[in-house]
C-alpha atoms as a PDB file:
ATOM      1  CA  MET A   1    -128.532  34.111   1.607  1.00  0.00           C
ATOM      2  CA  THR A   2    -125.586  31.811   0.719  1.00  0.00           C
ATOM      3  CA  PRO A   3    -122.267  33.326  -0.057  1.00  0.00           C
ATOM      4  CA  ASN A   4    -121.136  33.488  -3.652  1.00  0.00           C
ATOM      5  CA  ILE A   5    -118.696  30.469  -3.788  1.00  0.00           C
ATOM      6  CA  PRO A   6    -116.755  29.821  -7.017  1.00  0.00           C
ATOM      7  CA  ARG A   7    -117.123  26.427  -8.619  1.00  0.00           C
ATOM      8  CA  ILE A   8    -114.706  24.405 -10.656  1.00  0.00           C
ATOM      9  CA  SER A   9    -116.055  22.072 -13.306  1.00  0.00           C
ATOM     10  CA  LEU A  10    -114.285  18.829 -13.748  1.00  0.00           C
ATOM     11  CA  GLY A  11    -115.611  18.412 -17.237  1.00  0.00           C
ATOM     12  CA  GLY A  12    -118.576  16.632 -18.767  1.00  0.00           C
ATOM     13  CA  SER A  13    -122.251  17.692 -18.614  1.00  0.00           C
ATOM     14  CA  GLU A  14    -123.194  15.257 -15.915  1.00  0.00           C
ATOM     15  CA  VAL A  15    -120.318  15.879 -13.611  1.00  0.00           C
ATOM     16  CA  PRO A  16    -121.114  17.881 -10.503  1.00  0.00           C
ATOM     17  CA  SER A  17    -118.934  20.937  -9.970  1.00  0.00           C
ATOM     18  CA  VAL A  18    -116.622  21.170  -6.961  1.00  0.00           C
ATOM     19  CA  ARG A  19    -117.142  23.919  -4.457  1.00  0.00           C
ATOM     20  CA  VAL A  20    -114.092  26.013  -3.721  1.00  0.00           C
ATOM     21  CA  GLY A  21    -113.728  28.200  -0.647  1.00  0.00           C
ATOM     22  CA  ASP A  22    -115.700  26.279   1.818  1.00  0.00           C
ATOM     23  CA  GLY A  23    -114.911  27.190   5.370  1.00  0.00           C
ATOM     24  CA  PRO A  24    -112.555  29.686   6.827  1.00  0.00           C
ATOM     25  CA  ILE A  25    -108.956  30.082   5.720  1.00  0.00           C
ATOM     26  CA  TYR A  26    -107.669  29.639   9.262  1.00  0.00           C
ATOM     27  CA  PRO A  27    -109.079  27.397  11.957  1.00  0.00           C
ATOM     28  CA  SER A  28    -111.736  28.982  14.109  1.00  0.00           C
ATOM     29  CA  GLY A  29    -109.476  29.108  17.139  1.00  0.00           C
ATOM     30  CA  ALA A  30    -106.924  31.202  15.390  1.00  0.00           C
ATOM     31  CA  THR A  31    -106.604  34.629  17.111  1.00  0.00           C
ATOM     32  CA  THR A  32    -103.654  36.039  15.223  1.00  0.00           C
ATOM     33  CA  SER A  33    -102.400  35.856  11.714  1.00  0.00           C
ATOM     34  CA  PRO A  34    -100.198  32.790  11.054  1.00  0.00           C
ATOM     35  CA  ASP A  35     -96.497  33.016  11.098  1.00  0.00           C
ATOM     36  CA  SER A  36     -94.354  31.734   8.190  1.00  0.00           C
ATOM     37  CA  SER A  37     -94.125  28.215   9.393  1.00  0.00           C
ATOM     38  CA  SER A  38     -97.927  27.789   9.459  1.00  0.00           C
ATOM     39  CA  GLU A  39     -98.093  29.490   6.026  1.00  0.00           C
ATOM     40  CA  SER A  40     -95.714  26.888   4.674  1.00  0.00           C
ATOM     41  CA  GLY A  41     -97.869  24.250   6.232  1.00  0.00           C
ATOM     42  CA  ALA A  42    -100.870  25.830   4.438  1.00  0.00           C
ATOM     43  CA  VAL A  43     -98.966  25.696   1.141  1.00  0.00           C
ATOM     44  CA  ALA A  44     -98.207  22.034   1.735  1.00  0.00           C
ATOM     45  CA  ASN A  45    -101.860  21.425   2.546  1.00  0.00           C
ATOM     46  CA  ASP A  46    -102.863  23.220  -0.683  1.00  0.00           C
ATOM     47  CA  ALA A  47    -100.385  21.164  -2.703  1.00  0.00           C
ATOM     48  CA  ASN A  48    -101.755  17.985  -0.994  1.00  0.00           C
ATOM     49  CA  ALA A  49    -105.403  18.984  -1.831  1.00  0.00           C
ATOM     50  CA  ASN A  50    -104.381  19.805  -5.372  1.00  0.00           C
ATOM     51  CA  ALA A  51    -102.702  16.454  -5.724  1.00  0.00           C
ATOM     52  CA  LYS A  52    -105.760  14.657  -4.399  1.00  0.00           C
ATOM     53  CA  LEU A  53    -108.064  16.712  -6.727  1.00  0.00           C
ATOM     54  CA  ALA A  54    -105.783  15.774  -9.762  1.00  0.00           C
ATOM     55  CA  ALA A  55    -105.943  12.072  -8.737  1.00  0.00           C
ATOM     56  CA  LEU A  56    -109.729  12.258  -8.506  1.00  0.00           C
ATOM     57  CA  ALA A  57    -109.936  13.859 -11.853  1.00  0.00           C
ATOM     58  CA  THR A  58    -107.817  11.081 -13.298  1.00  0.00           C
ATOM     59  CA  ARG A  59    -110.074   8.391 -11.706  1.00  0.00           C
ATOM     60  CA  LEU A  60    -113.103  10.240 -13.035  1.00  0.00           C
ATOM     61  CA  GLU A  61    -111.755  10.136 -16.562  1.00  0.00           C
ATOM     62  CA  THR A  62    -110.967   6.507 -16.234  1.00  0.00           C
ATOM     63  CA  ILE A  63    -114.578   5.816 -15.047  1.00  0.00           C
ATOM     64  CA  GLU A  64    -115.950   7.955 -17.911  1.00  0.00           C
ATOM     65  CA  ALA A  65    -113.919   5.923 -20.411  1.00  0.00           C
ATOM     66  CA  LYS A  66    -115.242   2.683 -18.907  1.00  0.00           C
ATOM     67  CA  VAL A  67    -118.800   3.948 -19.172  1.00  0.00           C
ATOM     68  CA  ALA A  68    -118.307   4.892 -22.797  1.00  0.00           C
ATOM     69  CA  ALA A  69    -116.881   1.429 -23.568  1.00  0.00           C
ATOM     70  CA  LEU A  70    -119.925  -0.146 -21.811  1.00  0.00           C
ATOM     71  CA  HIS A  71    -122.212   2.010 -23.969  1.00  0.00           C
ATOM     72  CA  VAL A  72    -120.534   0.707 -27.097  1.00  0.00           C
ATOM     73  CA  LYS A  73    -120.941  -2.864 -25.960  1.00  0.00           C
ATOM     74  CA  LEU A  74    -124.550  -2.283 -25.008  1.00  0.00           C
ATOM     75  CA  ASP A  75    -125.283  -0.796 -28.437  1.00  0.00           C
ATOM     76  CA  ALA A  76    -123.661  -3.915 -30.073  1.00  0.00           C
ATOM     77  CA  ILE A  77    -125.833  -6.152 -27.897  1.00  0.00           C
ATOM     78  CA  ILE A  78    -128.955  -4.202 -28.856  1.00  0.00           C
ATOM     79  CA  ASP A  79    -127.983  -4.300 -32.536  1.00  0.00           C
ATOM     80  CA  HIS A  80    -127.267  -8.052 -32.343  1.00  0.00           C
ATOM     81  CA  LEU A  81    -130.701  -8.766 -30.697  1.00  0.00           C
ATOM     82  CA  GLY A  82    -132.447  -6.550 -33.319  1.00  0.00           C
ATOM     83  CA  VAL A  83    -134.201  -4.548 -30.625  1.00  0.00           C
ATOM     84  CA  ASP A  84    -136.147  -1.524 -31.971  1.00  0.00           C
ATOM     85  CA  ARG A  85    -134.664   1.591 -30.357  1.00  0.00           C
ATOM     86  CA  ASP A  86    -137.737   3.795 -30.780  1.00  0.00           C
END
C-alpha cells in the first residue's frame, strides 16, 4: 500500500501532477534532530526548490503557448488545403 502523498497540479488537463513529500525530511543517516544551522539550510533548500518549480512552471506555460500557436497554424494550413476534418 502506497502512502497518501499530496499532489500539486501545475495547470492544464494533460499536465501531470507533481508529487510532494517524497522521501524523508532528514537524510537517512540523521540520528538526532537538526540544529538551527541545518534548519536554515533546509529553508534555503526549500526556497531553491520553490524557485526551480516556479521556473519550470514558467517554462511549461511558454511551451503550452507555443503549442497553442502551432495548433492555430495547423488549423490555418488545414483550412487552406480544404481538408475535410470529419
